[in-house]
Amino acid sequence: MNRILLAFQAFFNLLFSGELSADTLTALNLSKRTGAPPKAAAPTPAATPAAPTVRTSDGALQLLGILQRDSRLIDFLQEDIASYEDDQIGAAVRELHDQCRDAIARYVTLAPVIDGVEGTYAKTPAQDANLVKFVGNVPANAPPGGTLRHKGWRATKVDLPNLPAKQDPTIIAAAEIEIE
């Protein structure tokens, strides 16, 4: 059960902040890479009308809203499941899994980073060092290949619907009030 929780934690770290938290890095026995400092943005001329502000987090929040709408993912994650039996959780997760997979497939086209058989030898792709994360007994210089443990995933197409102009992207799911 800890691996599932760690997987969800890593997913949401990446979804909302684009990087793993210190706690998640520690749990995965990873260390943070240092990169070049971000470049300062050039000032925009005052005569140009301001374009609508779209933050990269808006798409992440929109996808989270879709997962909540189609599968009630946030409700499931926020619920304390300690009192439930494993077979009850398993039955709930099976349905949740199918609903989440369908929701993601509707808006995001995924492809493996390396299209190979896990557990067999795979060569390291030469075009981009960020395509592969080496695990295990990693030498100082990047090896030419190794045993493929996970194919990785890349989004080949993202087709999220446009948000209405006045919709607050931070509202993942509106509160529901029943009128009797």
Protein backbone atom coordinates (compact mmCIF):
# COMPACT_ATOMS: atom_id res chain seq x y z
CA MET A 1 0.00 0.00 0.00
CA ASN A 2 2.96 2.35 0.64
CA ARG A 3 4.09 2.09 -3.00
CA ILE A 4 0.64 3.16 -4.19
CA LEU A 5 0.65 6.16 -1.87
CA LEU A 6 4.21 7.03 -2.94
CA ALA A 7 3.16 6.79 -6.60
CA PHE A 8 0.22 9.15 -6.02
CA GLN A 9 2.47 11.53 -4.06
CA ALA A 10 5.04 11.59 -6.88
CA PHE A 11 2.30 12.04 -9.51
CA PHE A 12 0.77 15.04 -7.76
CA ASN A 13 4.18 16.58 -6.99
CA LEU A 14 4.96 16.52 -10.69
CA LEU A 15 1.45 17.57 -11.68
CA PHE A 16 1.34 20.68 -9.50
CA SER A 17 4.94 21.81 -9.10
CA GLY A 18 6.78 20.07 -11.93
CA GLU A 19 9.26 18.49 -9.53
CA LEU A 20 9.37 15.95 -6.74
CA SER A 21 9.28 17.20 -3.16
CA ALA A 22 12.21 16.58 -0.82
CA ASP A 23 10.20 13.91 1.05
CA THR A 24 9.39 12.07 -2.18
CA LEU A 25 13.00 12.26 -3.37
CA THR A 26 14.16 10.80 -0.05
CA ALA A 27 11.57 7.99 -0.19
CA LEU A 28 12.72 7.11 -3.72
CA ASN A 29 16.43 7.32 -2.76
CA LEU A 30 17.01 10.09 -5.31
CA SER A 31 18.84 13.39 -5.15
CA LYS A 32 17.89 16.71 -6.69
CA ARG A 33 19.75 17.82 -9.83
CA THR A 34 20.97 21.38 -10.01
CA GLY A 35 20.32 23.24 -13.22
CA ALA A 36 21.01 26.62 -14.76
CA PRO A 37 19.13 29.51 -13.16
CA PRO A 38 16.03 30.61 -15.11
CA LYS A 39 16.48 33.52 -17.49
CA ALA A 40 14.75 36.79 -16.62
CA ALA A 41 11.81 37.59 -18.89
CA ALA A 42 12.12 40.63 -21.13
CA PRO A 43 9.75 43.48 -20.20
CA THR A 44 6.69 43.79 -22.44
CA PRO A 45 5.88 47.11 -24.07
CA ALA A 46 3.15 49.10 -22.30
CA ALA A 47 1.24 49.80 -25.54
CA THR A 48 0.35 46.13 -26.09
CA PRO A 49 -2.88 44.96 -24.44
CA ALA A 50 -2.30 42.27 -21.85
CA ALA A 51 -3.05 38.75 -23.01
CA PRO A 52 -5.05 36.51 -20.69
CA THR A 53 -2.75 35.04 -18.07
CA VAL A 54 -2.36 31.31 -18.58
CA ARG A 55 -0.17 29.55 -16.08
CA THR A 56 1.31 26.12 -16.67
CA SER A 57 -0.49 24.94 -13.55
CA ASP A 58 -3.87 25.68 -15.19
CA GLY A 59 -3.62 22.57 -17.39
CA ALA A 60 -2.58 20.46 -14.42
CA LEU A 61 -5.51 21.73 -12.39
CA GLN A 62 -7.83 21.19 -15.34
CA LEU A 63 -6.66 17.57 -15.70
CA LEU A 64 -7.11 17.06 -11.96
CA GLY A 65 -10.64 18.48 -12.30
CA ILE A 66 -11.36 16.02 -15.11
CA LEU A 67 -10.13 13.12 -12.97
CA GLN A 68 -12.35 14.32 -10.11
CA ARG A 69 -15.37 14.76 -12.40
CA ASP A 70 -15.01 11.40 -14.16
CA SER A 71 -13.76 9.19 -11.32
CA ARG A 72 -13.96 11.13 -8.03
CA LEU A 73 -10.20 10.66 -7.65
CA ILE A 74 -9.73 13.48 -5.13
CA ASP A 75 -12.62 12.23 -3.00
CA PHE A 76 -10.96 8.80 -2.92
CA LEU A 77 -7.53 10.22 -2.05
CA GLN A 78 -8.89 12.50 0.67
CA GLU A 79 -10.87 9.72 2.34
CA ASP A 80 -9.33 7.89 5.32
CA ILE A 81 -9.29 4.28 4.14
CA ALA A 82 -7.64 2.79 7.24
CA SER A 83 -10.95 1.37 8.52
CA TYR A 84 -11.76 -0.50 5.27
CA GLU A 85 -10.79 -4.08 4.52
CA ASP A 86 -8.28 -4.74 1.74
CA ASP A 87 -10.90 -6.40 -0.47
CA GLN A 88 -13.15 -3.30 -0.16
CA ILE A 89 -10.26 -1.03 -1.16
CA GLY A 90 -9.31 -3.35 -4.01
CA ALA A 91 -12.83 -3.28 -5.44
CA ALA A 92 -12.93 0.53 -5.22
CA VAL A 93 -9.49 0.91 -6.79
CA ARG A 94 -10.37 -1.38 -9.73
CA GLU A 95 -13.28 0.86 -10.74
CA LEU A 96 -11.29 4.04 -10.02
CA HIS A 97 -8.41 2.74 -12.15
CA ASP A 98 -10.67 2.13 -15.16
CA GLN A 99 -12.34 5.52 -14.85
CA CYS A 100 -9.03 7.40 -14.48
CA ARG A 101 -7.46 5.56 -17.43
CA ASP A 102 -10.46 6.38 -19.64
CA ALA A 103 -10.42 10.05 -18.59
CA ILE A 104 -6.69 10.44 -19.31
CA ALA A 105 -6.96 8.59 -22.65
CA ARG A 106 -9.72 10.97 -23.72
CA TYR A 107 -7.49 14.05 -23.41
CA VAL A 108 -3.85 12.86 -23.49
CA THR A 109 -2.17 10.53 -25.98
CA LEU A 110 0.67 8.64 -24.33
CA ALA A 111 3.56 6.69 -25.84
CA PRO A 112 6.46 4.87 -24.20
CA VAL A 113 9.80 6.70 -24.11
CA ILE A 114 11.57 3.44 -24.99
CA ASP A 115 9.39 0.95 -26.82
CA GLY A 116 11.03 -2.23 -25.57
CA VAL A 117 10.32 -5.21 -23.37
CA GLU A 118 10.86 -4.50 -19.68
CA GLY A 119 13.51 -6.79 -18.19
CA THR A 120 15.57 -6.93 -21.42
CA TYR A 121 18.62 -4.95 -22.56
CA ALA A 122 17.88 -1.50 -23.99
CA LYS A 123 20.27 1.04 -25.51
CA THR A 124 20.33 4.54 -24.09
CA PRO A 125 18.68 7.04 -26.48
CA ALA A 126 21.40 9.40 -27.73
CA GLN A 127 19.23 12.43 -28.52
CA ASP A 128 18.34 13.61 -24.99
CA ALA A 129 19.88 12.68 -21.65
CA ASN A 130 16.61 13.55 -19.87
CA LEU A 131 14.78 10.67 -21.56
CA VAL A 132 16.39 8.11 -19.26
CA LYS A 133 16.89 7.94 -15.51
CA PHE A 134 19.61 5.47 -14.56
CA VAL A 135 18.94 3.40 -11.44
CA GLY A 136 21.02 0.86 -9.57
CA ASN A 137 24.83 0.85 -9.56
CA VAL A 138 25.29 3.83 -11.90
CA PRO A 139 28.85 4.61 -13.06
CA ALA A 140 30.20 8.17 -13.32
CA ASN A 141 29.89 8.18 -17.13
CA ALA A 142 26.54 7.36 -18.74
CA PRO A 143 26.52 3.73 -19.88
CA PRO A 144 25.45 2.77 -23.44
CA GLY A 145 22.50 0.82 -22.08
CA GLY A 146 21.20 -1.51 -19.41
CA THR A 147 18.20 -3.53 -18.30
CA LEU A 148 14.94 -1.71 -19.07
CA ARG A 149 13.01 -1.48 -15.78
CA HIS A 150 10.33 0.98 -16.93
CA LYS A 151 9.52 2.15 -20.45
CA GLY A 152 8.71 5.68 -19.30
CA TRP A 153 5.85 7.76 -20.68
CA ARG A 154 5.72 10.76 -22.98
CA ALA A 155 2.67 12.79 -23.91
CA THR A 156 2.53 12.85 -27.70
CA LYS A 157 -0.66 14.90 -27.76
CA VAL A 158 -2.56 16.89 -25.14
CA ASP A 159 -6.02 18.03 -26.15
CA LEU A 160 -7.64 19.63 -23.11
CA PRO A 161 -10.81 21.61 -23.77
CA ASN A 162 -10.59 25.39 -23.47
CA LEU A 163 -11.63 26.74 -20.09
CA PRO A 164 -14.38 29.36 -20.08
CA ALA A 165 -12.83 32.84 -19.71
CA LYS A 166 -14.43 33.54 -16.34
CA GLN A 167 -13.81 30.11 -14.79
CA ASP A 168 -11.36 30.05 -11.90
CA PRO A 169 -8.89 27.25 -12.75
CA THR A 170 -8.17 26.66 -9.06
CA ILE A 171 -11.72 25.34 -8.54
CA ILE A 172 -11.17 21.66 -9.26
CA ALA A 173 -14.70 20.65 -8.27
CA ALA A 174 -17.42 23.05 -7.25
CA ALA A 175 -19.19 22.41 -3.98
CA GLU A 176 -22.60 20.79 -4.42
CA ILE A 177 -25.65 22.00 -2.51
CA GLU A 178 -28.87 20.07 -2.84
CA ILE A 179 -32.14 21.97 -2.74
CA GLU A 180 -35.06 19.99 -1.42
